[in-house]
Amino acid sequence: MFFDKKWEDVTDQEIEDISVRMKEEMGGWIFHSRIDFDKPTPWIDVEKGHPSIMKEWIEKREGSK
């Protein structure tokens, strides 16, 4: 879905390069079709926090790091 060659011919650097490009240019992609950087998906900003019942558990876990 990313390269015009066999997976065995794809280098680690090519994988890293396309992953950076996807991160910076795409809002996401559902891989039912070939990736198309000319048709980026929109970014979605989620402005919702954790459920209140989970806040104490999360705070305890973050404090133990």
C-alpha atoms as a PDB file:
ATOM      1  CA  MET A   1       0.000   0.000   0.000  1.00  0.00           C
ATOM      2  CA  PHE A   2       3.012   2.300   0.245  1.00  0.00           C
ATOM      3  CA  PHE A   3       5.776   1.307  -2.116  1.00  0.00           C
ATOM      4  CA  ASP A   4       5.922   0.303  -5.752  1.00  0.00           C
ATOM      5  CA  LYS A   5       8.157  -2.673  -5.059  1.00  0.00           C
ATOM      6  CA  LYS A   6       8.294  -5.911  -3.110  1.00  0.00           C
ATOM      7  CA  TRP A   7       8.475  -5.683   0.684  1.00  0.00           C
ATOM      8  CA  GLU A   8      11.822  -7.462   0.636  1.00  0.00           C
ATOM      9  CA  ASP A   9      13.230  -4.547  -1.383  1.00  0.00           C
ATOM     10  CA  VAL A  10      11.942  -1.823   0.966  1.00  0.00           C
ATOM     11  CA  THR A  11      14.597  -0.342   3.248  1.00  0.00           C
ATOM     12  CA  ASP A  12      14.199   0.642   6.891  1.00  0.00           C
ATOM     13  CA  GLN A  13      14.935   4.237   5.869  1.00  0.00           C
ATOM     14  CA  GLU A  14      12.068   4.223   3.345  1.00  0.00           C
ATOM     15  CA  ILE A  15       9.699   2.976   6.036  1.00  0.00           C
ATOM     16  CA  GLU A  16      10.881   5.663   8.436  1.00  0.00           C
ATOM     17  CA  ASP A  17      10.586   8.378   5.767  1.00  0.00           C
ATOM     18  CA  ILE A  18       7.011   7.486   4.830  1.00  0.00           C
ATOM     19  CA  SER A  19       5.984   7.166   8.478  1.00  0.00           C
ATOM     20  CA  VAL A  20       7.261  10.690   9.197  1.00  0.00           C
ATOM     21  CA  ARG A  21       5.481  12.009   6.123  1.00  0.00           C
ATOM     22  CA  MET A  22       2.241  10.315   7.153  1.00  0.00           C
ATOM     23  CA  LYS A  23       2.523  11.720  10.673  1.00  0.00           C
ATOM     24  CA  GLU A  24       3.111  15.265   9.429  1.00  0.00           C
ATOM     25  CA  GLU A  25       0.785  15.361   6.411  1.00  0.00           C
ATOM     26  CA  MET A  26      -2.098  13.004   7.103  1.00  0.00           C
ATOM     27  CA  GLY A  27      -4.878  13.245   9.647  1.00  0.00           C
ATOM     28  CA  GLY A  28      -5.237   9.503   9.434  1.00  0.00           C
ATOM     29  CA  TRP A  29      -5.794   6.882   6.799  1.00  0.00           C
ATOM     30  CA  ILE A  30      -7.904   3.745   6.524  1.00  0.00           C
ATOM     31  CA  PHE A  31      -5.846   1.309   4.526  1.00  0.00           C
ATOM     32  CA  HIS A  32      -8.551  -0.097   2.268  1.00  0.00           C
ATOM     33  CA  SER A  33      -6.877   1.678  -0.614  1.00  0.00           C
ATOM     34  CA  ARG A  34      -3.409   2.874  -1.557  1.00  0.00           C
ATOM     35  CA  ILE A  35      -2.264   5.927   0.392  1.00  0.00           C
ATOM     36  CA  ASP A  36      -2.693   9.154  -1.555  1.00  0.00           C
ATOM     37  CA  PHE A  37      -0.856  12.186  -0.186  1.00  0.00           C
ATOM     38  CA  ASP A  38      -2.818  14.375  -2.627  1.00  0.00           C
ATOM     39  CA  LYS A  39      -6.029  13.548  -0.719  1.00  0.00           C
ATOM     40  CA  PRO A  40      -5.185  13.882   2.979  1.00  0.00           C
ATOM     41  CA  THR A  41      -7.827  13.073   5.535  1.00  0.00           C
ATOM     42  CA  PRO A  42      -8.788  15.872   7.923  1.00  0.00           C
ATOM     43  CA  TRP A  43      -7.365  16.095  11.418  1.00  0.00           C
ATOM     44  CA  ILE A  44      -9.768  15.468  14.255  1.00  0.00           C
ATOM     45  CA  ASP A  45      -9.135  17.160  17.582  1.00  0.00           C
ATOM     46  CA  VAL A  46     -10.704  15.339  20.499  1.00  0.00           C
ATOM     47  CA  GLU A  47     -11.494  17.674  23.359  1.00  0.00           C
ATOM     48  CA  LYS A  48     -12.907  15.162  25.768  1.00  0.00           C
ATOM     49  CA  GLY A  49     -11.203  14.085  28.963  1.00  0.00           C
ATOM     50  CA  HIS A  50     -11.201  10.771  30.764  1.00  0.00           C
ATOM     51  CA  PRO A  51     -14.354   9.595  32.549  1.00  0.00           C
ATOM     52  CA  SER A  52     -14.458  10.949  36.102  1.00  0.00           C
ATOM     53  CA  ILE A  53     -14.483   7.421  37.543  1.00  0.00           C
ATOM     54  CA  MET A  54     -11.015   6.876  36.006  1.00  0.00           C
ATOM     55  CA  LYS A  55      -9.323  10.116  37.108  1.00  0.00           C
ATOM     56  CA  GLU A  56      -8.069   8.836  40.488  1.00  0.00           C
ATOM     57  CA  TRP A  57      -6.671   5.647  38.920  1.00  0.00           C
ATOM     58  CA  ILE A  58      -4.893   7.628  36.181  1.00  0.00           C
ATOM     59  CA  GLU A  59      -3.411  10.097  38.675  1.00  0.00           C
ATOM     60  CA  LYS A  60      -2.046   7.241  40.783  1.00  0.00           C
ATOM     61  CA  ARG A  61      -0.470   5.591  37.726  1.00  0.00           C
ATOM     62  CA  GLU A  62       1.093   8.845  36.492  1.00  0.00           C
ATOM     63  CA  GLY A  63       2.510   9.532  39.949  1.00  0.00           C
ATOM     64  CA  SER A  64       4.252   6.161  40.063  1.00  0.00           C
ATOM     65  CA  LYS A  65       6.340   6.819  36.927  1.00  0.00           C
END
